C-alpha atoms as a PDB file:
ATOM      1  CA  MET A   1      -0.032  -0.030   0.055  1.00  0.00           C
ATOM      2  CA  LEU A   2       2.770   2.309   0.764  1.00  0.00           C
ATOM      3  CA  ARG A   3       4.491   1.853  -2.679  1.00  0.00           C
ATOM      4  CA  LYS A   4       1.182   2.966  -4.450  1.00  0.00           C
ATOM      5  CA  ASP A   5       0.899   5.965  -2.285  1.00  0.00           C
ATOM      6  CA  LEU A   6       4.554   6.856  -3.027  1.00  0.00           C
ATOM      7  CA  LYS A   7       3.910   6.366  -6.717  1.00  0.00           C
ATOM      8  CA  GLY A   8       0.757   8.563  -6.439  1.00  0.00           C
ATOM      9  CA  ILE A   9       2.474  11.247  -4.756  1.00  0.00           C
ATOM     10  CA  TYR A  10       5.184  11.327  -7.398  1.00  0.00           C
ATOM     11  CA  THR A  11       2.719  11.180 -10.167  1.00  0.00           C
ATOM     12  CA  ILE A  12       0.678  14.149  -8.859  1.00  0.00           C
ATOM     13  CA  TRP A  13       3.891  16.007  -8.015  1.00  0.00           C
ATOM     14  CA  LEU A  14       5.191  15.316 -11.715  1.00  0.00           C
ATOM     15  CA  ARG A  15       1.991  16.468 -13.299  1.00  0.00           C
ATOM     16  CA  ASP A  16       2.022  19.791 -11.368  1.00  0.00           C
ATOM     17  CA  ILE A  17       5.546  20.495 -12.264  1.00  0.00           C
ATOM     18  CA  LYS A  18       5.005  19.656 -16.068  1.00  0.00           C
ATOM     19  CA  ARG A  19       1.909  22.002 -15.938  1.00  0.00           C
ATOM     20  CA  PHE A  20       4.223  24.633 -14.379  1.00  0.00           C
ATOM     21  CA  PHE A  21       6.955  24.558 -17.005  1.00  0.00           C
ATOM     22  CA  ARG A  22       4.534  24.406 -19.952  1.00  0.00           C
ATOM     23  CA  ASP A  23       2.809  27.543 -18.804  1.00  0.00           C
ATOM     24  CA  ARG A  24       5.720  30.123 -19.644  1.00  0.00           C
ATOM     25  CA  GLY A  25       3.297  33.099 -19.072  1.00  0.00           C
ATOM     26  CA  ARG A  26       2.912  31.827 -15.400  1.00  0.00           C
ATOM     27  CA  ILE A  27       6.467  31.710 -14.783  1.00  0.00           C
ATOM     28  CA  ILE A  28       7.189  34.993 -16.382  1.00  0.00           C
ATOM     29  CA  GLY A  29       4.288  36.628 -14.570  1.00  0.00           C
ATOM     30  CA  ALA A  30       5.161  35.158 -11.251  1.00  0.00           C
ATOM     31  CA  THR A  31       8.762  36.369 -11.579  1.00  0.00           C
ATOM     32  CA  ALA A  32       7.913  39.808 -13.140  1.00  0.00           C
ATOM     33  CA  GLN A  33       5.876  41.256 -10.109  1.00  0.00           C
ATOM     34  CA  PRO A  34       8.511  40.646  -7.542  1.00  0.00           C
ATOM     35  CA  ALA A  35      11.206  41.755 -10.033  1.00  0.00           C
ATOM     36  CA  LEU A  36       9.283  44.899 -10.351  1.00  0.00           C
ATOM     37  CA  PHE A  37       9.308  45.421  -6.648  1.00  0.00           C
ATOM     38  CA  LEU A  38      12.950  44.856  -6.405  1.00  0.00           C
ATOM     39  CA  PHE A  39      13.872  47.116  -9.337  1.00  0.00           C
ATOM     40  CA  VAL A  40      11.438  50.035  -8.728  1.00  0.00           C
ATOM     41  CA  LEU A  41      10.908  50.057  -5.084  1.00  0.00           C
ATOM     42  CA  GLY A  42      14.342  48.486  -4.100  1.00  0.00           C
ATOM     43  CA  THR A  43      16.524  50.398  -6.199  1.00  0.00           C
ATOM     44  CA  GLY A  44      14.509  53.636  -6.286  1.00  0.00           C
ATOM     45  CA  LEU A  45      13.911  53.859  -2.613  1.00  0.00           C
ATOM     46  CA  SER A  46      17.407  52.916  -1.613  1.00  0.00           C
ATOM     47  CA  SER A  47      18.682  55.859  -3.166  1.00  0.00           C
ATOM     48  CA  ALA A  48      15.934  58.228  -1.640  1.00  0.00           C
ATOM     49  CA  LEU A  49      16.036  56.544   1.857  1.00  0.00           C
ATOM     50  CA  ARG A  50      18.801  55.736   4.175  1.00  0.00           C
ATOM     51  CA  PHE A  51      18.002  52.380   5.926  1.00  0.00           C
ATOM     52  CA  ILE A  52      17.349  53.025   9.569  1.00  0.00           C
ATOM     53  CA  GLY A  53      18.758  49.637  10.551  1.00  0.00           C
ATOM     54  CA  GLY A  54      22.364  51.076  10.063  1.00  0.00           C
ATOM     55  CA  GLY A  55      25.412  48.838   9.844  1.00  0.00           C
ATOM     56  CA  GLY A  56      25.979  49.743   6.238  1.00  0.00           C
ATOM     57  CA  SER A  57      22.847  48.032   5.140  1.00  0.00           C
ATOM     58  CA  THR A  58      20.770  49.712   2.226  1.00  0.00           C
ATOM     59  CA  PHE A  59      16.954  49.561   1.911  1.00  0.00           C
ATOM     60  CA  LEU A  60      17.444  47.054  -1.004  1.00  0.00           C
ATOM     61  CA  ASP A  61      19.363  44.646   1.467  1.00  0.00           C
ATOM     62  CA  PHE A  62      16.276  44.910   3.796  1.00  0.00           C
ATOM     63  CA  ILE A  63      13.780  44.665   1.193  1.00  0.00           C
ATOM     64  CA  TYR A  64      15.269  41.729  -0.680  1.00  0.00           C
ATOM     65  CA  PRO A  65      14.466  38.595   1.724  1.00  0.00           C
ATOM     66  CA  GLY A  66      10.994  40.036   1.880  1.00  0.00           C
ATOM     67  CA  ILE A  67      10.510  40.068  -1.906  1.00  0.00           C
ATOM     68  CA  ILE A  68      11.649  36.440  -2.033  1.00  0.00           C
ATOM     69  CA  GLY A  69       9.197  35.765   0.917  1.00  0.00           C
ATOM     70  CA  MET A  70       6.398  37.540  -1.232  1.00  0.00           C
ATOM     71  CA  THR A  71       7.438  35.370  -4.178  1.00  0.00           C
ATOM     72  CA  VAL A  72       7.114  32.140  -2.106  1.00  0.00           C
ATOM     73  CA  LEU A  73       3.960  33.377  -0.372  1.00  0.00           C
ATOM     74  CA  PHE A  74       2.032  34.088  -3.565  1.00  0.00           C
ATOM     75  CA  THR A  75       3.350  31.147  -5.688  1.00  0.00           C
ATOM     76  CA  ALA A  76       2.751  28.668  -2.956  1.00  0.00           C
ATOM     77  CA  THR A  77      -0.811  29.702  -2.120  1.00  0.00           C
ATOM     78  CA  PHE A  78      -1.971  30.149  -5.448  1.00  0.00           C
ATOM     79  CA  SER A  79      -0.636  26.871  -6.719  1.00  0.00           C
ATOM     80  CA  ALA A  80      -3.638  25.231  -4.991  1.00  0.00           C
ATOM     81  CA  LEU A  81      -5.806  26.957  -7.602  1.00  0.00           C
ATOM     82  CA  SER A  82      -5.166  23.896  -9.596  1.00  0.00           C
ATOM     83  CA  ILE A  83      -7.348  21.874  -7.258  1.00  0.00           C
ATOM     84  CA  VAL A  84     -10.282  24.123  -8.100  1.00  0.00           C
ATOM     85  CA  TRP A  85      -9.363  24.043 -11.636  1.00  0.00           C
ATOM     86  CA  ASP A  86      -9.258  20.316 -11.539  1.00  0.00           C
ATOM     87  CA  ARG A  87     -12.659  20.182  -9.961  1.00  0.00           C
ATOM     88  CA  GLU A  88     -14.278  22.518 -12.383  1.00  0.00           C
ATOM     89  CA  PHE A  89     -13.053  20.331 -15.336  1.00  0.00           C
ATOM     90  CA  GLY A  90     -13.767  16.998 -13.903  1.00  0.00           C
ATOM     91  CA  PHE A  91      -9.886  15.717 -13.477  1.00  0.00           C
ATOM     92  CA  LEU A  92     -10.304  15.768  -9.681  1.00  0.00           C
ATOM     93  CA  LYS A  93     -12.931  12.910  -9.783  1.00  0.00           C
ATOM     94  CA  GLU A  94     -10.336  10.814 -11.891  1.00  0.00           C
ATOM     95  CA  VAL A  95      -7.754  11.379  -9.312  1.00  0.00           C
ATOM     96  CA  LEU A  96     -10.158  10.611  -6.239  1.00  0.00           C
ATOM     97  CA  VAL A  97     -11.084   7.271  -7.579  1.00  0.00           C
ATOM     98  CA  ALA A  98      -7.471   6.207  -8.178  1.00  0.00           C
ATOM     99  CA  PRO A  99      -6.280   3.382  -5.904  1.00  0.00           C
ATOM    100  CA  ILE A 100      -4.409   5.849  -3.563  1.00  0.00           C
ATOM    101  CA  SER A 101      -5.213   7.411  -0.389  1.00  0.00           C
ATOM    102  CA  ARG A 102      -6.433  10.885   0.073  1.00  0.00           C
ATOM    103  CA  THR A 103      -3.401  11.700   2.131  1.00  0.00           C
ATOM    104  CA  ALA A 104      -1.106  10.858  -0.903  1.00  0.00           C
ATOM    105  CA  ILE A 105      -3.201  13.069  -3.270  1.00  0.00           C
ATOM    106  CA  VAL A 106      -2.840  16.069  -0.695  1.00  0.00           C
ATOM    107  CA  LEU A 107       0.809  15.284  -0.460  1.00  0.00           C
ATOM    108  CA  GLY A 108       1.298  15.155  -4.076  1.00  0.00           C
ATOM    109  CA  LYS A 109      -0.276  18.570  -4.555  1.00  0.00           C
ATOM    110  CA  ALA A 110       1.466  19.945  -1.606  1.00  0.00           C
ATOM    111  CA  CYS A 111       4.850  18.831  -2.813  1.00  0.00           C
ATOM    112  CA  GLY A 112       4.142  19.957  -6.455  1.00  0.00           C
ATOM    113  CA  GLY A 113       3.156  23.429  -5.165  1.00  0.00           C
ATOM    114  CA  SER A 114       5.943  23.851  -2.769  1.00  0.00           C
ATOM    115  CA  THR A 115       8.430  22.785  -5.666  1.00  0.00           C
ATOM    116  CA  GLN A 116       6.960  25.684  -7.765  1.00  0.00           C
ATOM    117  CA  ALA A 117       7.385  28.154  -5.046  1.00  0.00           C
ATOM    118  CA  MET A 118      10.899  27.021  -4.354  1.00  0.00           C
ATOM    119  CA  LEU A 119      11.773  27.359  -7.918  1.00  0.00           C
ATOM    120  CA  GLN A 120      10.235  30.797  -8.161  1.00  0.00           C
ATOM    121  CA  GLY A 121      12.132  31.776  -4.874  1.00  0.00           C
ATOM    122  CA  LEU A 122      15.407  30.518  -6.220  1.00  0.00           C
ATOM    123  CA  ILE A 123      14.872  32.590  -9.436  1.00  0.00           C
ATOM    124  CA  MET A 124      14.493  35.635  -7.207  1.00  0.00           C
ATOM    125  CA  LEU A 125      17.500  34.715  -5.206  1.00  0.00           C
ATOM    126  CA  ALA A 126      19.735  34.548  -8.392  1.00  0.00           C
ATOM    127  CA  PHE A 127      19.060  38.350  -8.779  1.00  0.00           C
ATOM    128  CA  ALA A 128      20.964  38.993  -5.684  1.00  0.00           C
ATOM    129  CA  PRO A 129      24.452  39.548  -7.350  1.00  0.00           C
ATOM    130  CA  ILE A 130      22.945  41.490 -10.320  1.00  0.00           C
ATOM    131  CA  LEU A 131      21.324  43.970  -7.789  1.00  0.00           C
ATOM    132  CA  GLY A 132      24.397  44.239  -5.462  1.00  0.00           C
ATOM    133  CA  VAL A 133      22.613  42.837  -2.443  1.00  0.00           C
ATOM    134  CA  ARG A 134      25.134  41.447   0.104  1.00  0.00           C
ATOM    135  CA  LEU A 135      24.482  37.875   0.846  1.00  0.00           C
ATOM    136  CA  ASN A 136      26.934  35.410   2.596  1.00  0.00           C
ATOM    137  CA  LEU A 137      26.700  31.772   2.392  1.00  0.00           C
ATOM    138  CA  VAL A 138      24.992  31.483   5.788  1.00  0.00           C
ATOM    139  CA  ASN A 139      22.357  33.924   4.656  1.00  0.00           C
ATOM    140  CA  VAL A 140      21.635  31.978   1.555  1.00  0.00           C
ATOM    141  CA  MET A 141      21.304  28.681   3.400  1.00  0.00           C
ATOM    142  CA  GLU A 142      18.935  30.223   5.871  1.00  0.00           C
ATOM    143  CA  LEU A 143      16.902  31.666   3.101  1.00  0.00           C
ATOM    144  CA  ILE A 144      16.702  28.203   1.376  1.00  0.00           C
ATOM    145  CA  ALA A 145      15.653  26.566   4.578  1.00  0.00           C
ATOM    146  CA  LEU A 146      13.048  29.073   5.270  1.00  0.00           C
ATOM    147  CA  MET A 147      11.749  28.908   1.627  1.00  0.00           C
ATOM    148  CA  ILE A 148      11.403  25.201   2.025  1.00  0.00           C
ATOM    149  CA  LEU A 149       9.184  25.604   5.230  1.00  0.00           C
ATOM    150  CA  MET A 150       7.413  28.509   3.890  1.00  0.00           C
ATOM    151  CA  SER A 151       6.471  26.857   0.534  1.00  0.00           C
ATOM    152  CA  PHE A 152       5.312  23.573   2.110  1.00  0.00           C
ATOM    153  CA  ALA A 153       3.370  25.300   4.872  1.00  0.00           C
ATOM    154  CA  LEU A 154       1.674  27.832   2.604  1.00  0.00           C
ATOM    155  CA  THR A 155       0.906  25.326  -0.191  1.00  0.00           C
ATOM    156  CA  SER A 156      -0.821  23.341   2.457  1.00  0.00           C
ATOM    157  CA  PHE A 157      -2.760  26.342   3.589  1.00  0.00           C
ATOM    158  CA  GLY A 158      -3.844  26.897  -0.114  1.00  0.00           C
ATOM    159  CA  ILE A 159      -5.067  23.371  -0.523  1.00  0.00           C
ATOM    160  CA  LEU A 160      -7.031  23.635   2.872  1.00  0.00           C
ATOM    161  CA  ILE A 161      -8.969  26.593   1.367  1.00  0.00           C
ATOM    162  CA  ALA A 162      -9.156  25.221  -2.167  1.00  0.00           C
ATOM    163  CA  ALA A 163     -10.754  22.037  -1.017  1.00  0.00           C
ATOM    164  CA  ARG A 164     -13.789  23.838   0.006  1.00  0.00           C
ATOM    165  CA  MET A 165     -14.179  26.185  -2.878  1.00  0.00           C
ATOM    166  CA  LYS A 166     -16.287  25.657  -5.808  1.00  0.00           C
ATOM    167  CA  SER A 167     -14.979  28.365  -8.118  1.00  0.00           C
ATOM    168  CA  MET A 168     -11.767  29.832  -9.152  1.00  0.00           C
ATOM    169  CA  HIS A 169     -12.827  33.319  -8.536  1.00  0.00           C
ATOM    170  CA  GLY A 170     -14.041  32.567  -5.057  1.00  0.00           C
ATOM    171  CA  PHE A 171     -10.794  30.934  -4.394  1.00  0.00           C
ATOM    172  CA  GLN A 172      -8.740  34.040  -5.457  1.00  0.00           C
ATOM    173  CA  MET A 173     -10.923  36.527  -3.543  1.00  0.00           C
ATOM    174  CA  VAL A 174     -10.556  34.355  -0.325  1.00  0.00           C
ATOM    175  CA  MET A 175      -6.831  34.024  -0.746  1.00  0.00           C
ATOM    176  CA  ASN A 176      -6.480  37.751  -1.457  1.00  0.00           C
ATOM    177  CA  PHE A 177      -8.369  38.393   1.700  1.00  0.00           C
ATOM    178  CA  PHE A 178      -5.793  36.313   3.606  1.00  0.00           C
ATOM    179  CA  LEU A 179      -2.693  37.264   1.692  1.00  0.00           C
ATOM    180  CA  MET A 180      -2.687  40.936   1.264  1.00  0.00           C
ATOM    181  CA  PRO A 181      -2.863  41.768   4.892  1.00  0.00           C
ATOM    182  CA  MET A 182      -0.300  38.999   5.753  1.00  0.00           C
ATOM    183  CA  PHE A 183       2.085  40.567   3.292  1.00  0.00           C
ATOM    184  CA  PHE A 184       1.666  44.149   4.028  1.00  0.00           C
ATOM    185  CA  LEU A 185       1.781  43.688   7.764  1.00  0.00           C
ATOM    186  CA  SER A 186       4.790  41.278   7.754  1.00  0.00           C
ATOM    187  CA  GLY A 187       7.451  44.020   7.497  1.00  0.00           C
ATOM    188  CA  ALA A 188       8.660  42.768   4.256  1.00  0.00           C
ATOM    189  CA  MET A 189       8.505  46.270   2.647  1.00  0.00           C
ATOM    190  CA  PHE A 190       9.174  48.585   5.513  1.00  0.00           C
ATOM    191  CA  PRO A 191      10.297  47.994   9.253  1.00  0.00           C
ATOM    192  CA  ILE A 192       7.394  47.614  11.609  1.00  0.00           C
END
């Protein structure tokens, strides 16, 4: 039984990853918004403001981890939209009658969504040298560890919400209700 579930988790994960890579617009769109925040707010405000934290840090050094967190936050939670999509088009029924446990289905979706969020976060992390953000190896390892935890937890949260939603529009509205305050009150854009 465990072997079937592991194969089911892998199959669902692989399907989500293939769908992610086939949708170039989604990759570009999910990378463009945080990049816009980085380039416009980070570099623009960095020259206009002196970061209060001191220690030779710039506003860009402050905002950069928050932008990576924003990328992981939105990518992870909205990856659960695929559950609502699959329900609307009947694919979820086929998955639910497969000879694997419901837990395996949820884990496969959670692994797929968290992998997508991790990839988006790593793409944003790759911008650090281009922008002149000072990160050492310890900072990078800490960021990656946090991205792993955040991506899995937030994808699971998105799945929890998506399991109850009947329409994609309803899911997006509910997720924005949770995500916007979470993001703006997190201290990612300005010190709280």
